[in-house]
Amino acid sequence: HEALTRFAAVDDPLHEAIARSNLAVIYANNGDAEAALALFQAAETIFRQLNSPAHLANTQQGIAFCCRKLRRWADAEVAYRTSIVLFEQLEDFYLAANALDGLGLALAAQNKTAEARAAWQAGLQHLTRGVESSGTKKLRANL
């Protein structure tokens, strides 16, 4: 928590939000989804104010993960859908695929089987796009 205090004291909202997100990951990995969710939500507010789509996408995925762990399926669904849109805009198809997998799990838990299956199929397509996108970038870098 020391980093949060330091970044807030020097009015560095970006690094404060990053520190909140990093701390949230630690809480989530240690099984405290409630504390992690609160930290992710606080970071989300800052990232929205800073208009930082990459950070916001990751934070939304963290929120979705915590909501899924807490069995807040509808909230998880909304956060996953938001993260997917952002990852697609950023052309990060690997992370979009990961979010689509989580979305499928949240939908399946709500007995939305057809939608869950569609999310998983879209995730597979995104993985293929991610490989092509990554390969293309590497090829261009070597030219």
Protein backbone atom coordinates (compact mmCIF):
# COMPACT_ATOMS: atom_id res chain seq x y z
CA HIS A 1 0.00 0.00 0.00
CA GLU A 2 3.02 2.25 0.33
CA ALA A 3 3.20 2.77 -3.44
CA LEU A 4 -0.43 3.93 -3.52
CA THR A 5 0.27 6.53 -0.87
CA ARG A 6 3.41 7.76 -2.62
CA PHE A 7 1.79 8.12 -6.05
CA ALA A 8 -1.25 9.85 -4.58
CA ALA A 9 0.98 12.22 -2.61
CA VAL A 10 2.88 13.35 -5.73
CA ASP A 11 -0.29 13.56 -7.82
CA ASP A 12 0.67 10.78 -10.24
CA PRO A 13 -2.71 9.24 -11.09
CA LEU A 14 -1.43 6.92 -13.83
CA HIS A 15 1.08 5.20 -11.58
CA GLU A 16 -1.36 5.22 -8.67
CA ALA A 17 -3.88 3.36 -10.84
CA ILE A 18 -1.21 0.93 -12.08
CA ALA A 19 -0.20 0.27 -8.47
CA ARG A 20 -3.86 -0.35 -7.58
CA SER A 21 -4.19 -2.81 -10.47
CA ASN A 22 -0.99 -4.62 -9.52
CA LEU A 23 -2.11 -4.87 -5.91
CA ALA A 24 -5.50 -6.12 -7.09
CA VAL A 25 -3.80 -8.94 -9.01
CA ILE A 26 -1.98 -9.98 -5.84
CA TYR A 27 -5.23 -9.99 -3.84
CA ALA A 28 -7.00 -11.93 -6.60
CA ASN A 29 -4.20 -14.51 -6.76
CA ASN A 30 -4.42 -14.92 -2.99
CA GLY A 31 -8.16 -15.55 -3.14
CA ASP A 32 -9.47 -12.20 -1.90
CA ALA A 33 -11.72 -11.32 -4.85
CA GLU A 34 -13.66 -8.66 -2.89
CA ALA A 35 -10.53 -6.64 -2.07
CA ALA A 36 -9.20 -7.15 -5.59
CA LEU A 37 -12.48 -5.98 -7.11
CA ALA A 38 -12.46 -2.78 -5.04
CA LEU A 39 -8.89 -2.01 -6.15
CA PHE A 40 -9.64 -2.76 -9.81
CA GLN A 41 -12.71 -0.50 -9.67
CA ALA A 42 -10.71 2.35 -8.16
CA ALA A 43 -8.06 1.93 -10.88
CA GLU A 44 -10.78 1.78 -13.54
CA THR A 45 -12.08 5.21 -12.52
CA ILE A 46 -8.61 6.71 -12.91
CA PHE A 47 -7.90 4.98 -16.23
CA ARG A 48 -11.22 6.27 -17.61
CA GLN A 49 -10.32 9.82 -16.56
CA LEU A 50 -6.90 9.45 -18.22
CA ASN A 51 -8.42 7.90 -21.35
CA SER A 52 -6.02 4.96 -21.23
CA PRO A 53 -7.67 2.16 -23.25
CA ALA A 54 -4.93 -0.45 -22.80
CA HIS A 55 -4.94 -0.08 -19.02
CA LEU A 56 -8.72 0.09 -19.00
CA ALA A 57 -9.01 -3.13 -21.01
CA ASN A 58 -6.80 -5.02 -18.57
CA THR A 59 -8.62 -3.55 -15.61
CA GLN A 60 -11.99 -4.53 -17.06
CA GLN A 61 -10.72 -8.07 -17.47
CA GLY A 62 -9.58 -8.02 -13.83
CA ILE A 63 -13.00 -6.78 -12.74
CA ALA A 64 -14.65 -9.52 -14.79
CA PHE A 65 -12.40 -12.18 -13.28
CA CYS A 66 -13.23 -11.02 -9.74
CA CYS A 67 -16.95 -10.88 -10.49
CA ARG A 68 -16.76 -14.41 -11.87
CA LYS A 69 -15.00 -15.63 -8.71
CA LEU A 70 -17.72 -13.92 -6.64
CA ARG A 71 -20.41 -15.52 -8.84
CA ARG A 72 -21.64 -12.13 -10.00
CA TRP A 73 -22.22 -13.51 -13.45
CA ALA A 74 -24.08 -10.57 -15.02
CA ASP A 75 -21.42 -8.11 -13.80
CA ALA A 76 -18.69 -10.41 -15.11
CA GLU A 77 -20.45 -10.58 -18.47
CA VAL A 78 -20.58 -6.78 -18.79
CA ALA A 79 -16.92 -6.33 -17.81
CA TYR A 80 -15.75 -9.09 -20.17
CA ARG A 81 -17.72 -7.57 -23.04
CA THR A 82 -16.16 -4.17 -22.34
CA SER A 83 -12.65 -5.62 -22.23
CA ILE A 84 -13.22 -7.53 -25.48
CA VAL A 85 -14.24 -4.36 -27.33
CA LEU A 86 -11.17 -2.54 -26.02
CA PHE A 87 -8.77 -5.39 -26.81
CA GLU A 88 -10.19 -5.61 -30.32
CA GLN A 89 -9.73 -1.86 -30.81
CA LEU A 90 -6.14 -2.28 -29.65
CA GLU A 91 -5.77 -5.26 -32.00
CA ASP A 92 -4.65 -7.44 -29.10
CA PHE A 93 -6.37 -10.60 -30.25
CA TYR A 94 -4.67 -12.86 -27.71
CA LEU A 95 -6.11 -10.93 -24.78
CA ALA A 96 -9.45 -10.60 -26.57
CA ALA A 97 -9.47 -14.39 -26.92
CA ASN A 98 -8.72 -14.77 -23.23
CA ALA A 99 -11.58 -12.42 -22.36
CA LEU A 100 -13.89 -14.33 -24.72
CA ASP A 101 -13.05 -17.51 -22.82
CA GLY A 102 -14.00 -15.83 -19.54
CA LEU A 103 -17.14 -14.45 -21.13
CA GLY A 104 -18.07 -17.96 -22.23
CA LEU A 105 -17.69 -19.20 -18.66
CA ALA A 106 -19.83 -16.35 -17.29
CA LEU A 107 -22.50 -16.98 -19.92
CA ALA A 108 -22.50 -20.73 -19.30
CA ALA A 109 -22.98 -20.09 -15.57
CA GLN A 110 -26.11 -18.11 -16.49
CA ASN A 111 -27.37 -21.01 -18.66
CA LYS A 112 -26.79 -18.98 -21.83
CA THR A 113 -25.32 -22.01 -23.57
CA ALA A 114 -25.63 -20.86 -27.18
CA GLU A 115 -24.04 -17.49 -26.35
CA ALA A 116 -21.26 -19.20 -24.40
CA ARG A 117 -20.50 -21.48 -27.34
CA ALA A 118 -20.43 -18.47 -29.68
CA ALA A 119 -18.01 -16.66 -27.34
CA TRP A 120 -15.67 -19.65 -27.28
CA GLN A 121 -15.81 -19.95 -31.08
CA ALA A 122 -15.03 -16.25 -31.43
CA GLY A 123 -12.13 -16.75 -29.02
CA LEU A 124 -10.69 -19.45 -31.27
CA GLN A 125 -10.99 -17.13 -34.27
CA HIS A 126 -9.24 -14.39 -32.31
CA LEU A 127 -6.38 -16.73 -31.50
CA THR A 128 -5.89 -17.34 -35.21
CA ARG A 129 -6.01 -13.58 -35.87
CA GLY A 130 -3.54 -13.04 -33.04
CA VAL A 131 -1.07 -15.46 -34.60
CA GLU A 132 -1.44 -13.80 -38.00
CA SER A 133 -1.18 -10.32 -36.50
CA SER A 134 1.86 -11.24 -34.43
CA GLY A 135 3.53 -13.00 -37.36
CA THR A 136 2.90 -10.06 -39.66
CA LYS A 137 4.39 -7.62 -37.18
CA LYS A 138 7.50 -9.79 -36.82
CA LEU A 139 7.89 -10.09 -40.57
CA ARG A 140 7.59 -6.33 -41.02
CA ALA A 141 10.10 -5.72 -38.26
CA ASN A 142 12.60 -7.95 -40.08
CA LEU A 143 12.24 -6.16 -43.43
